[in-house]
């Protein structure tokens, strides 16, 4: 059952990533398609079924890109993809119980609950995050796509998907990145 659901997700992700992105904007990575909604700063990234919030970073694109791996490390994310051509970085944090940035997992994820106790606070949670960077020489912004699964410790079987609550994970990546840039450029 779980493997067929996973195959469906992989097929959808493959179809979504088969489209072409526009790179007409200066500093816009080719695989991040900008779809600006009137009066907002929300765009879409391939493989993301939901709109993304772009977070401004008070640093040039080159500096922001330099500090993204540091931010990922501070969040406990093991880097699984680092593409300096498209400015996309991805990472994963396995079987975690710790807060993400300064937020408890229960405020960022809904992994269900048992007897009224949220699974995100007691199960092993695996988080995957992909962050895209765009900008010009003097300004930059990042947006993150995230997903998570949870599994009770010591129990066999497949992990269950978690629902990501809003842009909390993306906001935490941006906050940790902004602090790393600030600390590193002093």
N, C-alpha and C. Protein backbone atom coordinates (compact mmCIF):
# COMPACT_ATOMS: atom_id res chain seq x y z
N UNK A 1 0.83 -1.19 0.00
CA UNK A 1 0.00 0.00 0.00
C UNK A 1 0.87 1.26 0.00
N UNK A 2 1.84 1.31 0.91
CA UNK A 2 2.72 2.47 1.01
C UNK A 2 3.56 2.63 -0.25
N UNK A 3 4.06 1.52 -0.80
CA UNK A 3 4.91 1.63 -1.99
C UNK A 3 4.12 2.12 -3.19
N UNK A 4 2.84 1.74 -3.31
CA UNK A 4 2.05 2.23 -4.44
C UNK A 4 1.73 3.71 -4.28
N UNK A 5 1.51 4.14 -3.05
CA UNK A 5 1.28 5.58 -2.81
C UNK A 5 2.54 6.36 -3.12
N UNK A 6 3.70 5.82 -2.74
CA UNK A 6 4.97 6.49 -3.00
C UNK A 6 5.23 6.58 -4.50
N UNK A 7 4.90 5.51 -5.23
CA UNK A 7 5.08 5.54 -6.69
C UNK A 7 4.19 6.61 -7.32
N UNK A 8 2.98 6.77 -6.81
CA UNK A 8 2.09 7.81 -7.31
C UNK A 8 2.66 9.19 -7.09
N UNK A 9 3.22 9.41 -5.91
CA UNK A 9 3.85 10.69 -5.61
C UNK A 9 5.04 10.93 -6.52
N UNK A 10 5.87 9.90 -6.70
CA UNK A 10 7.04 10.04 -7.57
C UNK A 10 6.63 10.33 -9.01
N UNK A 11 5.56 9.69 -9.49
CA UNK A 11 5.07 9.97 -10.84
C UNK A 11 4.60 11.41 -10.97
N UNK A 12 3.86 11.89 -9.96
CA UNK A 12 3.40 13.28 -9.99
C UNK A 12 4.57 14.25 -9.96
N UNK A 13 5.56 13.95 -9.12
CA UNK A 13 6.73 14.82 -9.05
C UNK A 13 7.49 14.82 -10.37
N UNK A 14 7.60 13.67 -11.00
CA UNK A 14 8.28 13.58 -12.29
C UNK A 14 7.56 14.38 -13.35
N UNK A 15 6.23 14.31 -13.35
CA UNK A 15 5.45 15.08 -14.33
C UNK A 15 5.59 16.57 -14.07
N UNK A 16 5.56 16.95 -12.79
CA UNK A 16 5.67 18.37 -12.46
C UNK A 16 7.03 18.93 -12.83
N UNK A 17 8.06 18.13 -12.69
CA UNK A 17 9.40 18.64 -12.98
C UNK A 17 9.74 18.58 -14.46
N UNK A 18 8.87 17.96 -15.27
CA UNK A 18 9.14 17.86 -16.70
C UNK A 18 8.88 19.17 -17.42
N UNK A 19 8.13 20.09 -16.80
CA UNK A 19 7.85 21.38 -17.43
C UNK A 19 9.09 22.24 -17.47
N UNK A 20 9.02 23.29 -18.26
CA UNK A 20 10.17 24.18 -18.35
C UNK A 20 9.91 25.41 -17.52
N UNK A 21 10.94 25.90 -16.88
CA UNK A 21 10.83 27.11 -16.10
C UNK A 21 11.35 28.29 -16.90
N UNK A 22 10.91 29.46 -16.54
CA UNK A 22 11.36 30.66 -17.21
C UNK A 22 12.57 31.22 -16.49
N UNK A 23 13.60 31.53 -17.23
CA UNK A 23 14.78 32.13 -16.60
C UNK A 23 15.03 33.51 -17.19
N UNK A 24 13.96 34.16 -17.64
CA UNK A 24 14.10 35.46 -18.25
C UNK A 24 14.49 36.53 -17.23
N UNK A 25 14.06 36.37 -15.97
CA UNK A 25 14.40 37.35 -14.96
C UNK A 25 15.86 37.19 -14.55
N UNK A 26 16.54 38.30 -14.35
CA UNK A 26 17.94 38.26 -13.93
C UNK A 26 17.99 37.62 -12.54
N UNK A 27 18.88 36.67 -12.36
CA UNK A 27 19.02 36.02 -11.06
C UNK A 27 18.00 34.94 -10.80
N UNK A 28 17.12 34.66 -11.73
CA UNK A 28 16.08 33.65 -11.56
C UNK A 28 16.59 32.30 -12.03
N UNK A 29 16.78 31.32 -11.12
CA UNK A 29 17.23 30.00 -11.55
C UNK A 29 16.27 29.39 -12.55
N UNK A 30 16.79 28.62 -13.49
CA UNK A 30 15.99 28.05 -14.56
C UNK A 30 14.92 27.10 -14.07
N UNK A 31 15.13 26.40 -12.95
CA UNK A 31 14.13 25.44 -12.53
C UNK A 31 13.15 26.00 -11.49
N UNK A 32 13.15 27.31 -11.31
CA UNK A 32 12.15 27.94 -10.44
C UNK A 32 11.29 28.83 -11.31
N UNK A 33 10.04 28.43 -11.48
CA UNK A 33 9.12 29.18 -12.33
C UNK A 33 8.43 30.25 -11.50
N UNK A 34 8.55 31.47 -11.92
CA UNK A 34 7.93 32.56 -11.19
C UNK A 34 6.52 32.75 -11.70
N UNK A 35 5.56 32.68 -10.80
CA UNK A 35 4.17 32.97 -11.11
C UNK A 35 3.71 33.96 -10.06
N UNK A 36 3.92 35.21 -10.32
CA UNK A 36 3.62 36.24 -9.34
C UNK A 36 2.11 36.44 -9.24
N UNK A 37 1.58 36.41 -8.04
CA UNK A 37 0.18 36.69 -7.81
C UNK A 37 0.04 38.18 -7.50
N UNK A 38 -0.97 38.85 -8.06
CA UNK A 38 -1.10 40.29 -7.84
C UNK A 38 -1.11 40.64 -6.35
N UNK A 39 -0.30 41.62 -6.00
CA UNK A 39 -0.28 42.11 -4.64
C UNK A 39 0.38 41.19 -3.62
N UNK A 40 1.15 40.21 -4.08
CA UNK A 40 1.78 39.31 -3.12
C UNK A 40 3.20 38.98 -3.56
N UNK A 41 3.90 38.29 -2.69
CA UNK A 41 5.25 37.84 -2.99
C UNK A 41 5.26 36.31 -2.95
N UNK A 42 4.28 35.69 -3.61
CA UNK A 42 4.14 34.24 -3.60
C UNK A 42 4.36 33.71 -5.01
N UNK A 43 5.19 32.70 -5.13
CA UNK A 43 5.52 32.07 -6.40
C UNK A 43 5.33 30.57 -6.28
N UNK A 44 5.64 29.86 -7.34
CA UNK A 44 5.58 28.41 -7.35
C UNK A 44 6.93 27.85 -7.76
N UNK A 45 7.29 26.70 -7.22
CA UNK A 45 8.50 25.99 -7.58
C UNK A 45 8.08 24.62 -8.07
N UNK A 46 8.69 24.11 -9.15
CA UNK A 46 8.34 22.76 -9.58
C UNK A 46 8.46 21.77 -8.41
N UNK A 47 7.63 20.77 -8.42
CA UNK A 47 7.53 19.75 -7.37
C UNK A 47 6.83 20.27 -6.13
N UNK A 48 6.31 21.46 -6.17
CA UNK A 48 5.57 21.98 -5.04
C UNK A 48 4.12 22.22 -5.46
N UNK A 49 3.19 21.55 -4.82
CA UNK A 49 1.79 21.74 -5.19
C UNK A 49 1.20 23.01 -4.60
N UNK A 50 1.92 23.69 -3.76
CA UNK A 50 1.39 24.87 -3.09
C UNK A 50 2.25 26.09 -3.38
N UNK A 51 1.69 27.28 -3.23
CA UNK A 51 2.48 28.50 -3.44
C UNK A 51 3.57 28.61 -2.37
N UNK A 52 4.63 29.28 -2.73
CA UNK A 52 5.75 29.48 -1.82
C UNK A 52 5.87 30.94 -1.45
N UNK A 53 6.29 31.17 -0.25
CA UNK A 53 6.60 32.53 0.17
C UNK A 53 8.10 32.74 0.04
N UNK A 54 8.48 33.79 -0.64
CA UNK A 54 9.90 34.13 -0.78
C UNK A 54 10.29 35.02 0.38
N UNK A 55 11.40 34.70 1.01
CA UNK A 55 11.89 35.46 2.16
C UNK A 55 13.11 36.27 1.73
N UNK A 56 13.03 37.57 1.93
CA UNK A 56 14.15 38.46 1.57
C UNK A 56 15.32 38.21 2.50
N UNK A 57 16.50 38.25 1.94
CA UNK A 57 17.74 38.11 2.70
C UNK A 57 18.57 39.36 2.42
N UNK A 58 19.05 40.00 3.48
CA UNK A 58 19.78 41.26 3.32
C UNK A 58 21.24 40.99 2.97
N UNK A 59 21.42 40.36 1.82
CA UNK A 59 22.77 40.06 1.33
C UNK A 59 22.70 39.79 -0.16
N UNK A 60 23.80 39.99 -0.86
CA UNK A 60 23.82 39.66 -2.29
C UNK A 60 23.64 38.15 -2.49
N UNK A 61 23.25 37.77 -3.68
CA UNK A 61 23.01 36.37 -4.01
C UNK A 61 24.22 35.50 -3.71
N UNK A 62 25.41 35.97 -4.06
CA UNK A 62 26.61 35.16 -3.84
C UNK A 62 26.84 34.90 -2.36
N UNK A 63 26.60 35.88 -1.51
CA UNK A 63 26.77 35.70 -0.07
C UNK A 63 25.70 34.77 0.48
N UNK A 64 24.47 34.97 0.05
CA UNK A 64 23.38 34.11 0.50
C UNK A 64 23.65 32.66 0.14
N UNK A 65 24.11 32.42 -1.10
CA UNK A 65 24.41 31.06 -1.54
C UNK A 65 25.55 30.46 -0.69
N UNK A 66 26.52 31.28 -0.33
CA UNK A 66 27.65 30.82 0.48
C UNK A 66 27.18 30.37 1.87
N UNK A 67 26.17 31.03 2.44
CA UNK A 67 25.73 30.74 3.80
C UNK A 67 24.57 29.74 3.88
N UNK A 68 23.96 29.39 2.77
CA UNK A 68 22.87 28.41 2.81
C UNK A 68 23.32 27.05 3.38
N UNK A 69 24.47 26.50 2.97
CA UNK A 69 24.89 25.23 3.58
C UNK A 69 25.11 25.34 5.09
N UNK A 70 25.56 26.49 5.55
CA UNK A 70 25.76 26.70 6.99
C UNK A 70 24.41 26.69 7.70
N UNK A 71 23.42 27.35 7.12
CA UNK A 71 22.07 27.35 7.70
C UNK A 71 21.50 25.94 7.75
N UNK A 72 21.68 25.19 6.65
CA UNK A 72 21.20 23.80 6.63
C UNK A 72 21.87 23.00 7.74
N UNK A 73 23.16 23.18 7.91
CA UNK A 73 23.89 22.45 8.96
C UNK A 73 23.37 22.81 10.35
N UNK A 74 23.13 24.09 10.59
CA UNK A 74 22.61 24.52 11.89
C UNK A 74 21.23 23.96 12.17
N UNK A 75 20.46 23.68 11.12
CA UNK A 75 19.13 23.09 11.27
C UNK A 75 19.17 21.56 11.33
N UNK A 76 20.37 21.00 11.24
CA UNK A 76 20.51 19.54 11.30
C UNK A 76 20.19 18.85 10.00
N UNK A 77 20.17 19.59 8.89
CA UNK A 77 19.87 19.02 7.58
C UNK A 77 21.15 18.55 6.91
N UNK A 78 21.19 17.28 6.55
CA UNK A 78 22.30 16.71 5.78
C UNK A 78 22.06 17.06 4.32
N UNK A 79 23.00 17.72 3.67
CA UNK A 79 22.82 18.17 2.30
C UNK A 79 22.81 16.97 1.35
N UNK A 80 21.75 16.88 0.55
CA UNK A 80 21.60 15.79 -0.41
C UNK A 80 21.69 16.29 -1.85
N UNK A 81 21.58 17.60 -2.05
CA UNK A 81 21.72 18.19 -3.38
C UNK A 81 22.27 19.59 -3.21
N UNK A 82 23.24 19.94 -4.05
CA UNK A 82 23.83 21.28 -4.02
C UNK A 82 24.14 21.65 -5.45
N UNK A 83 23.28 22.45 -6.07
CA UNK A 83 23.42 22.80 -7.48
C UNK A 83 23.69 24.30 -7.60
N UNK A 84 24.96 24.65 -7.77
CA UNK A 84 25.33 26.07 -7.83
C UNK A 84 24.93 26.71 -9.15
N UNK A 85 24.58 25.91 -10.16
CA UNK A 85 24.13 26.46 -11.43
C UNK A 85 22.71 27.02 -11.31
N UNK A 86 21.82 26.25 -10.68
CA UNK A 86 20.42 26.67 -10.53
C UNK A 86 20.13 27.29 -9.18
N UNK A 87 21.12 27.31 -8.29
CA UNK A 87 20.95 27.81 -6.92
C UNK A 87 19.83 27.08 -6.18
N UNK A 88 19.92 25.76 -6.20
CA UNK A 88 18.97 24.92 -5.45
C UNK A 88 19.78 24.02 -4.53
N UNK A 89 19.38 23.97 -3.28
CA UNK A 89 20.01 23.10 -2.29
C UNK A 89 18.90 22.28 -1.64
N UNK A 90 19.21 21.03 -1.33
CA UNK A 90 18.24 20.15 -0.67
C UNK A 90 18.93 19.44 0.47
N UNK A 91 18.17 19.12 1.48
CA UNK A 91 18.73 18.41 2.62
C UNK A 91 17.67 17.59 3.33
N UNK A 92 18.15 16.74 4.23
CA UNK A 92 17.25 15.85 4.96
C UNK A 92 17.74 15.71 6.39
N UNK A 93 16.79 15.62 7.29
CA UNK A 93 17.09 15.36 8.70
C UNK A 93 16.33 14.10 9.08
N UNK A 94 17.07 13.04 9.42
CA UNK A 94 16.49 11.73 9.69
C UNK A 94 16.14 11.53 11.16
N UNK A 95 15.02 10.86 11.39
CA UNK A 95 14.60 10.38 12.70
C UNK A 95 14.85 11.38 13.83
N UNK A 96 14.33 12.55 13.66
CA UNK A 96 14.58 13.63 14.60
C UNK A 96 13.43 13.79 15.58
N UNK A 97 13.75 14.30 16.75
CA UNK A 97 12.76 14.71 17.74
C UNK A 97 12.98 16.17 18.13
N UNK A 98 14.09 16.73 17.69
CA UNK A 98 14.50 18.07 18.10
C UNK A 98 13.69 19.15 17.39
N UNK A 99 13.69 20.33 17.99
CA UNK A 99 13.07 21.49 17.37
C UNK A 99 13.73 21.76 16.02
N UNK A 100 13.01 22.47 15.16
CA UNK A 100 13.55 22.89 13.87
C UNK A 100 13.74 24.39 13.95
N UNK A 101 14.98 24.82 14.02
CA UNK A 101 15.25 26.23 14.30
C UNK A 101 14.83 26.50 15.73
N UNK A 102 13.97 27.47 15.90
CA UNK A 102 13.48 27.80 17.25
C UNK A 102 12.04 27.36 17.45
N UNK A 103 11.56 26.47 16.58
CA UNK A 103 10.16 26.03 16.66
C UNK A 103 10.07 24.54 16.96
N UNK A 104 9.14 24.15 17.84
CA UNK A 104 8.92 22.72 18.05
C UNK A 104 8.28 22.10 16.81
N UNK A 105 8.60 20.82 16.56
CA UNK A 105 8.06 20.15 15.37
C UNK A 105 6.54 20.17 15.33
N UNK A 106 5.89 20.14 16.49
CA UNK A 106 4.42 20.12 16.51
C UNK A 106 3.82 21.42 15.97
N UNK A 107 4.57 22.51 16.00
CA UNK A 107 4.05 23.77 15.45
C UNK A 107 4.27 23.87 13.94
N UNK A 108 5.13 23.00 13.40
CA UNK A 108 5.46 23.03 11.97
C UNK A 108 4.83 21.89 11.18
N UNK A 109 4.52 20.77 11.86
CA UNK A 109 4.05 19.57 11.19
C UNK A 109 2.85 18.98 11.90
N UNK A 110 1.95 18.41 11.11
CA UNK A 110 0.84 17.63 11.66
C UNK A 110 1.06 16.19 11.22
N UNK A 111 1.51 15.37 12.14
CA UNK A 111 1.80 13.96 11.86
C UNK A 111 0.76 13.06 12.49
N UNK A 112 -0.40 13.61 12.80
CA UNK A 112 -1.44 12.85 13.48
C UNK A 112 -1.14 12.78 14.96
N UNK A 113 -1.98 12.06 15.69
CA UNK A 113 -1.75 11.89 17.11
C UNK A 113 -2.34 10.57 17.58
N UNK A 114 -1.87 10.15 18.72
CA UNK A 114 -2.39 8.96 19.37
C UNK A 114 -2.75 9.36 20.80
N UNK A 115 -3.98 9.12 21.17
CA UNK A 115 -4.47 9.47 22.50
C UNK A 115 -4.25 10.94 22.82
N UNK A 116 -4.41 11.80 21.80
CA UNK A 116 -4.29 13.24 22.00
C UNK A 116 -2.88 13.78 22.07
N UNK A 117 -1.89 12.91 21.93
CA UNK A 117 -0.49 13.36 21.95
C UNK A 117 0.01 13.38 20.52
N UNK A 118 0.48 14.55 20.03
CA UNK A 118 0.94 14.64 18.64
C UNK A 118 2.12 13.72 18.35
N UNK A 119 2.03 12.99 17.23
CA UNK A 119 3.13 12.11 16.83
C UNK A 119 4.42 12.87 16.59
N UNK A 120 4.33 14.12 16.14
CA UNK A 120 5.53 14.91 15.86
C UNK A 120 6.36 15.15 17.12
N UNK A 121 5.74 15.02 18.28
CA UNK A 121 6.49 15.23 19.53
C UNK A 121 7.08 13.95 20.10
N UNK A 122 6.67 12.79 19.59
CA UNK A 122 7.20 11.56 20.16
C UNK A 122 7.68 10.54 19.15
N UNK A 123 7.32 10.67 17.90
CA UNK A 123 7.75 9.73 16.86
C UNK A 123 9.06 10.20 16.23
N UNK A 124 9.70 9.31 15.48
CA UNK A 124 10.88 9.70 14.70
C UNK A 124 10.38 10.43 13.46
N UNK A 125 10.80 11.68 13.29
CA UNK A 125 10.35 12.50 12.17
C UNK A 125 11.52 12.72 11.21
N UNK A 126 11.27 12.46 9.93
CA UNK A 126 12.25 12.73 8.88
C UNK A 126 11.72 13.90 8.07
N UNK A 127 12.56 14.91 7.90
CA UNK A 127 12.18 16.13 7.18
C UNK A 127 13.07 16.28 5.95
N UNK A 128 12.46 16.57 4.80
CA UNK A 128 13.19 16.88 3.58
C UNK A 128 12.87 18.33 3.21
N UNK A 129 13.91 19.09 2.88
CA UNK A 129 13.74 20.50 2.52
C UNK A 129 14.54 20.78 1.25
N UNK A 130 13.91 21.50 0.32
CA UNK A 130 14.58 21.99 -0.88
C UNK A 130 14.41 23.50 -0.91
N UNK A 131 15.50 24.22 -1.06
CA UNK A 131 15.47 25.68 -1.05
C UNK A 131 16.02 26.22 -2.36
N UNK A 132 15.29 27.16 -2.94
CA UNK A 132 15.74 27.86 -4.14
C UNK A 132 16.13 29.28 -3.79
N UNK A 133 17.10 29.79 -4.52
CA UNK A 133 17.61 31.15 -4.30
C UNK A 133 17.45 31.94 -5.57
N UNK A 134 17.04 33.17 -5.45
CA UNK A 134 16.99 34.07 -6.60
C UNK A 134 17.45 35.45 -6.15
N UNK A 135 17.77 36.27 -7.11
CA UNK A 135 18.13 37.63 -6.76
C UNK A 135 19.03 38.27 -7.79
N UNK A 136 19.51 39.44 -7.43
CA UNK A 136 20.42 40.19 -8.27
C UNK A 136 21.73 40.32 -7.52
N UNK A 137 22.59 41.17 -7.98
CA UNK A 137 23.88 41.34 -7.32
C UNK A 137 23.80 41.85 -5.90
N UNK A 138 22.78 42.63 -5.57
CA UNK A 138 22.74 43.25 -4.24
C UNK A 138 21.64 42.71 -3.33
N UNK A 139 20.64 42.06 -3.88
CA UNK A 139 19.55 41.54 -3.06
C UNK A 139 19.28 40.08 -3.41
N UNK A 140 18.67 39.37 -2.48
CA UNK A 140 18.35 37.97 -2.74
C UNK A 140 17.11 37.58 -1.94
N UNK A 141 16.58 36.41 -2.29
CA UNK A 141 15.42 35.85 -1.59
C UNK A 141 15.48 34.34 -1.72
N UNK A 142 14.94 33.65 -0.72
CA UNK A 142 14.88 32.20 -0.76
C UNK A 142 13.45 31.74 -0.52
N UNK A 143 13.14 30.56 -1.06
CA UNK A 143 11.87 29.89 -0.79
C UNK A 143 12.17 28.41 -0.62
N UNK A 144 11.43 27.76 0.25
CA UNK A 144 11.69 26.35 0.54
C UNK A 144 10.43 25.51 0.36
N UNK A 145 10.64 24.30 -0.15
CA UNK A 145 9.61 23.27 -0.25
C UNK A 145 9.99 22.21 0.76
N UNK A 146 9.04 21.72 1.52
CA UNK A 146 9.38 20.72 2.53
C UNK A 146 8.33 19.63 2.60
N UNK A 147 8.77 18.48 3.08
CA UNK A 147 7.87 17.36 3.34
C UNK A 147 8.44 16.61 4.54
N UNK A 148 7.59 15.79 5.16
CA UNK A 148 8.04 15.06 6.34
C UNK A 148 7.24 13.78 6.49
N UNK A 149 7.84 12.84 7.18
CA UNK A 149 7.18 11.58 7.53
C UNK A 149 7.49 11.29 8.99
N UNK A 150 6.64 10.48 9.61
CA UNK A 150 6.89 10.09 11.00
C UNK A 150 6.68 8.59 11.14
N UNK A 151 7.39 8.03 12.11
CA UNK A 151 7.27 6.61 12.39
C UNK A 151 7.58 6.40 13.87
N UNK A 152 6.75 5.62 14.52
CA UNK A 152 6.99 5.34 15.93
C UNK A 152 8.30 4.58 16.09
N UNK A 153 9.07 4.90 17.12
CA UNK A 153 10.35 4.24 17.34
C UNK A 153 10.12 2.77 17.69
N UNK A 154 11.00 1.94 17.17
CA UNK A 154 10.97 0.54 17.50
C UNK A 154 9.81 -0.25 16.92
N UNK A 155 9.10 0.32 15.98
CA UNK A 155 7.96 -0.35 15.37
C UNK A 155 8.28 -0.60 13.91
N UNK A 156 7.99 -1.80 13.44
CA UNK A 156 8.23 -2.08 12.02
C UNK A 156 7.09 -1.49 11.19
N UNK A 157 7.31 -1.35 9.92
CA UNK A 157 6.31 -0.80 9.02
C UNK A 157 6.77 0.48 8.37
N UNK A 158 5.90 1.00 7.55
CA UNK A 158 6.23 2.20 6.80
C UNK A 158 5.98 3.46 7.62
N UNK A 159 6.71 4.50 7.27
CA UNK A 159 6.49 5.81 7.88
C UNK A 159 5.22 6.43 7.31
N UNK A 160 4.57 7.26 8.10
CA UNK A 160 3.35 7.94 7.67
C UNK A 160 3.68 9.37 7.27
N UNK A 161 3.02 9.87 6.22
CA UNK A 161 3.30 11.25 5.82
C UNK A 161 2.76 12.24 6.85
N UNK A 162 3.44 13.35 6.97
CA UNK A 162 3.01 14.45 7.82
C UNK A 162 2.56 15.60 6.93
N UNK A 163 1.64 16.39 7.41
CA UNK A 163 1.23 17.60 6.71
C UNK A 163 2.08 18.75 7.23
N UNK A 164 2.65 19.50 6.31
CA UNK A 164 3.47 20.66 6.67
C UNK A 164 2.51 21.83 6.89
N UNK A 165 2.63 22.48 8.03
CA UNK A 165 1.75 23.61 8.38
C UNK A 165 2.32 24.90 7.81
N UNK A 166 1.66 25.45 6.81
CA UNK A 166 2.06 26.73 6.25
C UNK A 166 3.50 26.78 5.77
N UNK A 167 4.14 27.91 5.97
CA UNK A 167 5.53 28.12 5.54
C UNK A 167 6.48 28.16 6.74
N UNK A 168 6.10 27.50 7.81
CA UNK A 168 6.92 27.54 9.02
C UNK A 168 8.33 27.03 8.82
N UNK A 169 8.48 25.93 8.05
CA UNK A 169 9.82 25.38 7.81
C UNK A 169 10.63 26.34 6.95
N UNK A 170 10.01 26.89 5.90
CA UNK A 170 10.70 27.88 5.06
C UNK A 170 11.09 29.12 5.85
N UNK A 171 10.22 29.55 6.75
CA UNK A 171 10.52 30.72 7.57
C UNK A 171 11.69 30.43 8.51
N UNK A 172 11.78 29.21 9.03
CA UNK A 172 12.89 28.85 9.91
C UNK A 172 14.21 28.79 9.13
N UNK A 173 14.17 28.25 7.90
CA UNK A 173 15.38 28.25 7.07
C UNK A 173 15.84 29.68 6.83
N UNK A 174 14.90 30.57 6.51
CA UNK A 174 15.24 31.97 6.25
C UNK A 174 15.80 32.65 7.50
N UNK A 175 15.22 32.39 8.66
CA UNK A 175 15.68 33.03 9.90
C UNK A 175 17.10 32.56 10.26
N UNK A 176 17.35 31.26 10.16
CA UNK A 176 18.68 30.74 10.49
C UNK A 176 19.70 31.25 9.47
N UNK A 177 19.31 31.30 8.19
CA UNK A 177 20.19 31.83 7.15
C UNK A 177 20.53 33.29 7.41
N UNK A 178 19.52 34.10 7.71
CA UNK A 178 19.73 35.53 7.96
C UNK A 178 20.70 35.73 9.13
N UNK A 179 20.55 34.92 10.19
CA UNK A 179 21.44 35.02 11.34
C UNK A 179 22.86 34.59 10.97
N UNK A 180 23.00 33.53 10.17
CA UNK A 180 24.32 33.07 9.74
C UNK A 180 25.02 34.14 8.90
N UNK A 181 24.28 34.78 8.00
CA UNK A 181 24.84 35.86 7.19
C UNK A 181 25.28 37.00 8.07
N UNK A 182 24.43 37.36 9.01
CA UNK A 182 24.73 38.48 9.93
C UNK A 182 25.98 38.17 10.76
N UNK A 183 26.06 36.95 11.31
CA UNK A 183 27.22 36.57 12.12
C UNK A 183 28.49 36.47 11.28
N UNK A 184 28.36 35.99 10.05
CA UNK A 184 29.53 35.77 9.20
C UNK A 184 30.07 37.01 8.52
N UNK A 185 29.26 38.05 8.40
CA UNK A 185 29.71 39.25 7.69
C UNK A 185 30.04 40.39 8.65
N UNK A 186 30.12 40.09 9.93
CA UNK A 186 30.47 41.14 10.92
C UNK A 186 31.92 41.52 10.79
